[in-house]
């Protein structure tokens, strides 16, 4: 399910990262504009779950109009200086469904990237 590439983490590392990093940013489509919101998640290995307010608002309107979404989880040494890898991220794509106060994402694709330490000198932002 996970994509491979330069600086990629293996599947076990990706699954652990998703489970150990409880927050990310959910990107939705709002007509012709992007809309992103920070959320906490739970992952069971194939489905992501989010707790949301049951009140109708922009987020729910976006999902009702277009269920495609992207969820990004990331970390850097700025937040966790003890990490050996300077930065890493997971990008999850899928379809959202509303279930009361729960939002479910059926995962279609998981991409990931880990900044190699040698490259960090050129990608580090202060």
C-alpha atoms as a PDB file:
ATOM      1  CA  UNK A   1       0.000   0.000   0.000  1.00  0.00           C
ATOM      2  CA  UNK A   2       2.907   2.380   0.607  1.00  0.00           C
ATOM      3  CA  UNK A   3       4.807   3.988  -2.243  1.00  0.00           C
ATOM      4  CA  UNK A   4       8.576   3.750  -2.483  1.00  0.00           C
ATOM      5  CA  UNK A   5      11.108   6.279  -3.696  1.00  0.00           C
ATOM      6  CA  UNK A   6      14.131   8.350  -2.748  1.00  0.00           C
ATOM      7  CA  UNK A   7      14.340   8.703   1.008  1.00  0.00           C
ATOM      8  CA  UNK A   8      11.345   6.391   1.494  1.00  0.00           C
ATOM      9  CA  UNK A   9      10.587   4.618   4.746  1.00  0.00           C
ATOM     10  CA  UNK A  10       9.739   0.911   4.697  1.00  0.00           C
ATOM     11  CA  UNK A  11       6.129  -0.189   5.298  1.00  0.00           C
ATOM     12  CA  UNK A  12       6.614  -1.083   8.986  1.00  0.00           C
ATOM     13  CA  UNK A  13       8.212   2.311   9.645  1.00  0.00           C
ATOM     14  CA  UNK A  14       5.332   4.084   7.864  1.00  0.00           C
ATOM     15  CA  UNK A  15       2.653   2.206   9.846  1.00  0.00           C
ATOM     16  CA  UNK A  16       4.427   2.922  13.136  1.00  0.00           C
ATOM     17  CA  UNK A  17       4.799   6.597  12.203  1.00  0.00           C
ATOM     18  CA  UNK A  18       1.059   6.917  11.434  1.00  0.00           C
ATOM     19  CA  UNK A  19       0.087   5.220  14.704  1.00  0.00           C
ATOM     20  CA  UNK A  20       2.640   7.116  16.846  1.00  0.00           C
ATOM     21  CA  UNK A  21       1.921  10.566  15.362  1.00  0.00           C
ATOM     22  CA  UNK A  22      -1.652  11.382  16.370  1.00  0.00           C
ATOM     23  CA  UNK A  23      -2.074  14.688  14.490  1.00  0.00           C
ATOM     24  CA  UNK A  24      -1.937  15.850  10.903  1.00  0.00           C
ATOM     25  CA  UNK A  25      -3.537  18.145   8.350  1.00  0.00           C
ATOM     26  CA  UNK A  26      -6.559  17.056   6.313  1.00  0.00           C
ATOM     27  CA  UNK A  27      -6.751  18.714   2.888  1.00  0.00           C
ATOM     28  CA  UNK A  28     -10.183  18.951   1.289  1.00  0.00           C
ATOM     29  CA  UNK A  29     -11.638  20.461  -1.880  1.00  0.00           C
ATOM     30  CA  UNK A  30     -13.869  23.528  -1.409  1.00  0.00           C
ATOM     31  CA  UNK A  31     -15.333  24.037  -4.886  1.00  0.00           C
ATOM     32  CA  UNK A  32     -12.296  25.381  -6.752  1.00  0.00           C
ATOM     33  CA  UNK A  33     -10.080  26.057  -3.713  1.00  0.00           C
ATOM     34  CA  UNK A  34      -8.069  23.905  -1.325  1.00  0.00           C
ATOM     35  CA  UNK A  35      -9.105  23.819   2.331  1.00  0.00           C
ATOM     36  CA  UNK A  36      -6.948  22.259   5.052  1.00  0.00           C
ATOM     37  CA  UNK A  37      -7.695  21.597   8.721  1.00  0.00           C
ATOM     38  CA  UNK A  38      -5.573  20.142  11.531  1.00  0.00           C
ATOM     39  CA  UNK A  39      -7.069  17.004  13.076  1.00  0.00           C
ATOM     40  CA  UNK A  40      -6.227  14.100  15.367  1.00  0.00           C
ATOM     41  CA  UNK A  41      -6.565  10.594  13.949  1.00  0.00           C
ATOM     42  CA  UNK A  42      -6.702   6.892  14.751  1.00  0.00           C
ATOM     43  CA  UNK A  43      -5.467   4.337  12.198  1.00  0.00           C
ATOM     44  CA  UNK A  44      -6.456   0.643  12.234  1.00  0.00           C
ATOM     45  CA  UNK A  45      -4.149  -0.393   9.385  1.00  0.00           C
ATOM     46  CA  UNK A  46      -6.502   0.337   6.508  1.00  0.00           C
ATOM     47  CA  UNK A  47      -8.898   3.073   7.629  1.00  0.00           C
ATOM     48  CA  UNK A  48      -8.206   6.454   9.231  1.00  0.00           C
ATOM     49  CA  UNK A  49     -10.741   7.773  11.734  1.00  0.00           C
ATOM     50  CA  UNK A  50     -11.173  11.395  12.840  1.00  0.00           C
ATOM     51  CA  UNK A  51     -13.461  12.848  15.529  1.00  0.00           C
ATOM     52  CA  UNK A  52     -15.255  15.942  14.264  1.00  0.00           C
ATOM     53  CA  UNK A  53     -18.008  18.266  15.386  1.00  0.00           C
ATOM     54  CA  UNK A  54     -21.438  17.077  14.210  1.00  0.00           C
ATOM     55  CA  UNK A  55     -22.398  20.678  13.372  1.00  0.00           C
ATOM     56  CA  UNK A  56     -22.641  21.409   9.691  1.00  0.00           C
ATOM     57  CA  UNK A  57     -19.928  23.773   8.518  1.00  0.00           C
ATOM     58  CA  UNK A  58     -17.282  24.266   5.869  1.00  0.00           C
ATOM     59  CA  UNK A  59     -15.551  20.934   6.476  1.00  0.00           C
ATOM     60  CA  UNK A  60     -18.746  18.877   6.195  1.00  0.00           C
ATOM     61  CA  UNK A  61     -19.908  20.888   3.166  1.00  0.00           C
ATOM     62  CA  UNK A  62     -16.601  20.153   1.427  1.00  0.00           C
ATOM     63  CA  UNK A  63     -16.872  16.423   2.147  1.00  0.00           C
ATOM     64  CA  UNK A  64     -20.492  16.242   0.972  1.00  0.00           C
ATOM     65  CA  UNK A  65     -19.520  17.942  -2.318  1.00  0.00           C
ATOM     66  CA  UNK A  66     -16.276  16.028  -2.919  1.00  0.00           C
ATOM     67  CA  UNK A  67     -15.201  13.051  -0.775  1.00  0.00           C
ATOM     68  CA  UNK A  68     -11.604  13.012  -2.101  1.00  0.00           C
ATOM     69  CA  UNK A  69      -9.058  14.041   0.511  1.00  0.00           C
ATOM     70  CA  UNK A  70      -5.394  14.026   1.417  1.00  0.00           C
ATOM     71  CA  UNK A  71      -4.040  13.744   4.979  1.00  0.00           C
ATOM     72  CA  UNK A  72      -0.472  14.797   5.811  1.00  0.00           C
ATOM     73  CA  UNK A  73       1.465  13.740   8.908  1.00  0.00           C
ATOM     74  CA  UNK A  74       4.946  15.154   9.368  1.00  0.00           C
ATOM     75  CA  UNK A  75       7.687  15.848  11.873  1.00  0.00           C
ATOM     76  CA  UNK A  76      11.041  17.557  11.869  1.00  0.00           C
ATOM     77  CA  UNK A  77      13.988  17.959  14.204  1.00  0.00           C
ATOM     78  CA  UNK A  78      12.550  21.344  15.146  1.00  0.00           C
ATOM     79  CA  UNK A  79       9.795  19.479  17.020  1.00  0.00           C
ATOM     80  CA  UNK A  80      11.835  16.393  17.968  1.00  0.00           C
ATOM     81  CA  UNK A  81      15.557  17.267  18.192  1.00  0.00           C
ATOM     82  CA  UNK A  82      16.429  13.702  19.301  1.00  0.00           C
ATOM     83  CA  UNK A  83      15.427  12.254  15.889  1.00  0.00           C
ATOM     84  CA  UNK A  84      18.227  10.940  13.686  1.00  0.00           C
ATOM     85  CA  UNK A  85      16.344  11.837  10.500  1.00  0.00           C
ATOM     86  CA  UNK A  86      15.957  15.602  10.036  1.00  0.00           C
ATOM     87  CA  UNK A  87      12.395  15.363   8.706  1.00  0.00           C
ATOM     88  CA  UNK A  88       9.848  12.841   7.501  1.00  0.00           C
ATOM     89  CA  UNK A  89       6.274  12.816   6.283  1.00  0.00           C
ATOM     90  CA  UNK A  90       3.440  10.549   5.225  1.00  0.00           C
ATOM     91  CA  UNK A  91       0.792  11.602   2.707  1.00  0.00           C
ATOM     92  CA  UNK A  92      -2.402   9.549   2.686  1.00  0.00           C
ATOM     93  CA  UNK A  93      -4.991   9.811  -0.086  1.00  0.00           C
ATOM     94  CA  UNK A  94      -8.489   8.396   0.034  1.00  0.00           C
ATOM     95  CA  UNK A  95     -12.242   8.819   0.193  1.00  0.00           C
ATOM     96  CA  UNK A  96     -14.049  10.299   3.206  1.00  0.00           C
ATOM     97  CA  UNK A  97     -17.392   9.255   4.644  1.00  0.00           C
ATOM     98  CA  UNK A  98     -19.342  10.860   7.493  1.00  0.00           C
ATOM     99  CA  UNK A  99     -20.540   8.645  10.335  1.00  0.00           C
ATOM    100  CA  UNK A 100     -22.115  10.867  13.013  1.00  0.00           C
ATOM    101  CA  UNK A 101     -19.247  12.496  14.889  1.00  0.00           C
ATOM    102  CA  UNK A 102     -16.713  10.266  13.143  1.00  0.00           C
ATOM    103  CA  UNK A 103     -15.128  10.870   9.815  1.00  0.00           C
ATOM    104  CA  UNK A 104     -13.659   7.821   8.063  1.00  0.00           C
ATOM    105  CA  UNK A 105     -11.054   7.808   5.318  1.00  0.00           C
ATOM    106  CA  UNK A 106     -10.774   4.646   3.249  1.00  0.00           C
ATOM    107  CA  UNK A 107      -7.086   4.715   2.372  1.00  0.00           C
ATOM    108  CA  UNK A 108      -6.257   4.343  -1.326  1.00  0.00           C
ATOM    109  CA  UNK A 109      -2.578   5.361  -1.355  1.00  0.00           C
ATOM    110  CA  UNK A 110       0.135   6.099   1.200  1.00  0.00           C
ATOM    111  CA  UNK A 111       3.224   7.986   0.110  1.00  0.00           C
ATOM    112  CA  UNK A 112       6.124   8.852   2.369  1.00  0.00           C
ATOM    113  CA  UNK A 113       9.414  10.670   2.442  1.00  0.00           C
ATOM    114  CA  UNK A 114      12.325  10.897   4.813  1.00  0.00           C
ATOM    115  CA  UNK A 115      14.951  13.592   4.377  1.00  0.00           C
ATOM    116  CA  UNK A 116      18.399  11.944   4.266  1.00  0.00           C
ATOM    117  CA  UNK A 117      20.744  13.579   6.836  1.00  0.00           C
ATOM    118  CA  UNK A 118      23.243  14.563   4.112  1.00  0.00           C
ATOM    119  CA  UNK A 119      20.499  16.438   2.272  1.00  0.00           C
ATOM    120  CA  UNK A 120      19.289  18.227   5.387  1.00  0.00           C
ATOM    121  CA  UNK A 121      21.926  20.947   5.136  1.00  0.00           C
ATOM    122  CA  UNK A 122      20.293  22.108   1.895  1.00  0.00           C
ATOM    123  CA  UNK A 123      16.633  21.692   2.941  1.00  0.00           C
ATOM    124  CA  UNK A 124      16.851  23.036   6.483  1.00  0.00           C
ATOM    125  CA  UNK A 125      14.822  26.183   7.056  1.00  0.00           C
ATOM    126  CA  UNK A 126      15.624  28.414  10.016  1.00  0.00           C
END
